Each structure stands twice: as C-alpha cells, then as structure tokens.
N, C-alpha and C. Protein backbone atom coordinates (compact mmCIF):
# COMPACT_ATOMS: atom_id res chain seq x y z
N MET A 1 95.19 91.26 100.20
CA MET A 1 96.16 91.77 99.36
C MET A 1 95.54 92.69 98.26
N PRO A 2 95.66 93.97 98.09
CA PRO A 2 94.68 94.61 96.95
C PRO A 2 95.30 94.05 95.70
N THR A 3 94.33 94.21 94.89
CA THR A 3 94.62 93.97 93.11
C THR A 3 94.10 95.05 92.20
N VAL A 4 95.06 95.71 91.63
CA VAL A 4 95.04 96.90 90.57
C VAL A 4 95.09 96.26 89.04
N SER A 5 94.21 96.94 88.60
CA SER A 5 94.39 96.50 86.85
C SER A 5 95.83 97.12 86.47
N LEU A 6 96.08 96.34 85.30
CA LEU A 6 97.27 97.23 84.93
C LEU A 6 97.63 98.62 84.18
N THR A 7 96.37 98.61 84.13
CA THR A 7 95.91 99.86 83.22
C THR A 7 95.97 101.22 84.66
N LYS A 8 95.50 100.59 85.48
CA LYS A 8 95.05 101.44 86.70
C LYS A 8 96.89 101.52 87.29
N ALA A 9 97.47 100.78 87.34
CA ALA A 9 98.50 100.54 88.18
C ALA A 9 99.79 101.37 87.17
N ARG A 10 99.41 101.73 86.00
CA ARG A 10 100.44 102.74 85.19
C ARG A 10 100.01 104.29 85.28
N ILE A 11 98.88 104.30 85.58
CA ILE A 11 98.52 105.83 86.10
C ILE A 11 98.78 106.18 87.54
N HIS A 12 98.65 105.11 88.42
CA HIS A 12 98.81 105.37 89.97
C HIS A 12 99.92 104.99 90.55
N LEU A 13 100.92 104.72 89.87
CA LEU A 13 102.34 103.95 89.80
C LEU A 13 102.82 104.71 91.34
N SER A 14 102.98 105.58 91.25
CA SER A 14 103.36 106.81 92.63
C SER A 14 102.96 106.35 94.17
N ARG A 15 101.44 106.08 93.88
CA ARG A 15 100.50 105.58 94.58
C ARG A 15 100.76 104.57 95.20
N LEU A 16 101.07 103.43 94.00
CA LEU A 16 101.05 102.01 94.56
C LEU A 16 102.60 102.06 95.26
N ILE A 17 103.47 102.48 95.14
CA ILE A 17 104.74 102.44 95.16
C ILE A 17 104.88 103.20 96.68
N HIS A 18 104.04 103.99 96.98
CA HIS A 18 103.99 104.59 98.62
C HIS A 18 103.41 103.61 99.19
N LYS A 19 102.34 102.88 98.85
CA LYS A 19 101.89 101.54 99.79
C LYS A 19 102.49 100.63 99.98
N VAL A 20 103.17 100.57 98.99
CA VAL A 20 104.30 98.89 98.84
C VAL A 20 105.27 99.46 100.17
N GLU A 21 105.63 100.88 100.37
CA GLU A 21 106.85 101.08 100.88
C GLU A 21 106.12 101.35 102.60
N CYS A 22 105.14 101.22 102.40
CA CYS A 22 104.32 100.98 104.00
C CYS A 22 103.84 99.71 104.15
N GLY A 23 104.46 98.84 103.86
CA GLY A 23 104.08 97.59 103.94
C GLY A 23 103.06 96.60 103.35
N GLU A 24 102.45 97.29 102.17
CA GLU A 24 101.69 96.66 101.53
C GLU A 24 102.40 95.62 100.88
N ASP A 25 101.42 94.31 100.14
CA ASP A 25 101.75 93.71 98.68
C ASP A 25 100.68 94.46 97.72
N ILE A 26 100.74 94.44 96.47
CA ILE A 26 99.88 94.87 95.27
C ILE A 26 100.01 93.93 94.69
N VAL A 27 98.97 93.14 93.61
CA VAL A 27 98.93 92.45 92.81
C VAL A 27 98.58 92.95 91.46
N ILE A 28 98.95 93.09 90.53
CA ILE A 28 98.53 93.72 89.57
C ILE A 28 98.06 92.76 88.28
N THR A 29 97.08 92.71 88.07
CA THR A 29 96.07 91.99 87.27
C THR A 29 95.80 92.49 85.57
N ARG A 30 96.12 91.36 84.76
CA ARG A 30 96.03 91.68 83.16
C ARG A 30 94.69 91.14 82.81
N ASN A 31 93.56 91.79 82.12
CA ASN A 31 91.87 91.01 82.06
C ASN A 31 91.46 90.06 82.98
N GLY A 32 91.79 90.73 84.31
CA GLY A 32 90.89 90.19 85.64
C GLY A 32 92.46 88.89 86.09
N ARG A 33 93.25 88.66 85.43
CA ARG A 33 94.24 87.57 85.91
C ARG A 33 95.01 88.01 86.57
N PRO A 34 95.72 87.83 87.68
CA PRO A 34 97.07 88.19 88.15
C PRO A 34 98.31 87.80 87.39
N VAL A 35 99.09 88.88 87.44
CA VAL A 35 100.23 88.61 86.37
C VAL A 35 101.62 89.38 87.04
N ALA A 36 101.55 89.91 87.83
CA ALA A 36 102.69 90.50 89.15
C ALA A 36 102.36 90.96 90.31
N ARG A 37 103.49 90.99 90.97
CA ARG A 37 103.07 91.13 92.48
C ARG A 37 104.16 92.49 92.90
N ILE A 38 104.19 93.55 93.32
CA ILE A 38 104.68 94.48 93.64
C ILE A 38 104.83 94.57 95.18
N THR A 39 105.94 93.98 95.84
CA THR A 39 106.43 93.82 97.44
C THR A 39 107.70 94.70 97.73
N ALA A 40 107.85 95.16 98.73
CA ALA A 40 109.09 95.84 98.96
C ALA A 40 110.22 94.82 99.46
N VAL A 41 111.36 95.99 98.69
CA VAL A 41 112.42 95.48 99.11
C VAL A 41 113.27 95.19 100.54
N ASN A 42 113.53 94.05 101.02
CA ASN A 42 114.22 94.28 102.41
C ASN A 42 115.24 95.09 102.71
N GLN A 43 115.31 96.34 103.38
CA GLN A 43 116.31 96.75 103.78
C GLN A 43 117.19 96.32 104.87
N PRO A 44 119.13 96.23 104.36
CA PRO A 44 119.30 95.72 105.36
C PRO A 44 119.43 96.65 106.83
N LYS A 45 119.81 95.76 107.96
CA LYS A 45 119.33 96.38 109.37
C LYS A 45 120.92 97.02 109.45
N LYS A 46 120.84 98.27 110.15
CA LYS A 46 121.97 98.82 110.76
C LYS A 46 122.96 98.03 112.05
N PRO A 47 123.83 97.67 112.33
CA PRO A 47 124.46 96.97 113.33
C PRO A 47 124.57 98.30 114.26
N ILE A 48 124.08 97.57 115.90
CA ILE A 48 123.95 98.46 117.17
C ILE A 48 125.34 98.91 117.17
N ASP A 49 125.69 100.38 117.50
CA ASP A 49 127.15 100.92 118.16
C ASP A 49 127.06 100.65 119.72
N PHE A 50 127.24 99.85 120.29
CA PHE A 50 127.39 99.45 121.77
C PHE A 50 128.16 100.26 122.22
N HIS A 51 129.04 100.57 121.73
CA HIS A 51 130.12 101.49 122.50
C HIS A 51 129.47 103.20 122.66
N GLY A 52 128.97 103.67 121.73
CA GLY A 52 128.04 104.57 121.88
C GLY A 52 126.84 104.80 122.37
N LEU A 53 126.32 103.65 122.46
CA LEU A 53 125.18 103.25 123.57
C LEU A 53 125.85 103.31 125.06
N ALA A 54 126.66 102.74 125.08
CA ALA A 54 127.30 102.77 126.65
C ALA A 54 127.63 104.03 126.83
N LYS A 55 128.15 104.95 126.19
CA LYS A 55 128.71 106.18 126.42
C LYS A 55 127.19 107.13 126.71
N LEU A 56 126.29 106.69 126.00
CA LEU A 56 125.24 107.44 126.00
C LEU A 56 124.63 107.22 128.02
N LEU A 57 124.56 106.07 127.73
CA LEU A 57 124.11 105.70 129.22
C LEU A 57 124.63 106.16 130.16
N GLU A 58 126.39 106.21 130.45
CA GLU A 58 126.97 107.16 131.52
C GLU A 58 126.47 108.46 131.45
N THR A 59 126.33 108.86 130.23
CA THR A 59 125.96 110.90 130.93
C THR A 59 124.45 110.79 131.15
N LEU A 60 123.92 109.36 131.25
CA LEU A 60 122.18 109.98 131.80
C LEU A 60 122.66 109.74 133.51
N PRO A 61 121.27 110.71 134.32
CA PRO A 61 121.65 110.52 135.85
C PRO A 61 121.11 109.29 135.82
N PRO A 62 121.22 109.01 137.36
CA PRO A 62 120.83 108.14 137.69
C PRO A 62 118.97 108.34 138.05
N TRP A 63 118.37 107.00 138.21
CA TRP A 63 117.08 107.02 138.40
C TRP A 63 116.57 107.21 140.16
N SER A 64 115.92 107.94 140.21
CA SER A 64 115.52 108.15 142.02
C SER A 64 115.16 106.78 142.53
N LYS A 65 114.14 106.11 141.66
CA LYS A 65 113.28 105.04 142.16
C LYS A 65 113.55 103.91 141.25
N PRO A 66 113.41 102.40 141.69
CA PRO A 66 113.47 101.29 140.73
C PRO A 66 112.48 101.46 139.72
N SER A 67 112.82 100.83 138.52
CA SER A 67 111.83 101.16 137.42
C SER A 67 110.10 100.50 137.80
N ALA A 68 110.56 99.38 138.33
CA ALA A 68 109.25 98.76 138.90
C ALA A 68 108.26 99.66 139.68
N GLU A 69 109.02 100.25 140.77
CA GLU A 69 108.46 101.06 141.40
C GLU A 69 107.46 102.49 140.43
N LEU A 70 108.46 102.96 139.69
CA LEU A 70 107.99 103.84 138.63
C LEU A 70 106.79 103.52 138.06
N LEU A 71 106.88 102.21 137.26
CA LEU A 71 106.03 101.58 136.65
C LEU A 71 104.41 101.56 137.29
N ARG A 72 104.60 101.33 138.45
CA ARG A 72 103.43 100.60 139.61
C ARG A 72 102.88 101.98 139.83
N GLU A 73 103.52 102.96 140.16
CA GLU A 73 103.14 104.41 140.57
C GLU A 73 102.03 105.09 138.80
N MET A 74 102.73 104.89 137.53
CA MET A 74 102.22 105.40 136.68
C MET A 74 100.99 104.73 136.63
N ARG A 75 100.87 103.32 136.56
CA ARG A 75 99.62 102.41 136.70
C ARG A 75 98.34 102.65 137.44
N ASP A 76 98.63 103.26 138.76
CA ASP A 76 97.99 103.63 139.52
C ASP A 76 97.32 105.25 139.48
N ASP A 77 98.23 105.55 138.96
CA ASP A 77 97.97 107.22 138.97
C ASP A 77 96.97 107.39 137.83
N GLU A 78 95.57 108.01 138.00
CA GLU A 78 94.66 108.31 137.09
C GLU A 78 95.00 109.24 135.88
N ARG A 79 95.93 109.62 136.33
CA ARG A 79 96.18 110.75 134.80
C ARG A 79 96.45 109.99 133.49
N TYR A 80 97.34 108.83 133.52
CA TYR A 80 97.69 108.05 133.03
C TYR A 80 96.60 107.18 132.25
C-alpha cells in the first residue's frame, strides 16, 4: 500500500483520487506516521435485466457448431 506525506497529498490530490478509483489504497502520513487511509467507496451493483437478456438471445442466430467444437478448433488453429 503506497504511502504519501500530507503535504504531497494536498498537492497531488486529484492524482491520488484517480489511483484510488483504479483500486489502490493510499496511506497518508504526517511526520512519518500513518494518520489516514484513502479507499474507494463500494459502488452498488446494478441488477441483471433477465427479460432484456432473454429478448437479446432470441434475436441472435443459432450457432453452426457446438461451442465445445468451436473452442477445440480455435485451440488447434495456429492463428490464435
């Protein structure tokens, strides 16, 4: 977990917030001692729209081969 002095945290707050948004936790120190930690706020997850997903799946064309066969072909093909 990276540590930053309070003075540098004041100067580079926007950069630190960006790092926190990317998943890092930041410890802020004063006189070399940890005094605070910046962590991301957990965002609530959106519920899955199962009815919309089912409608989308109905519009897709059927596969020409079983997925296991397609994966084997991709695995054995030298282009991938």
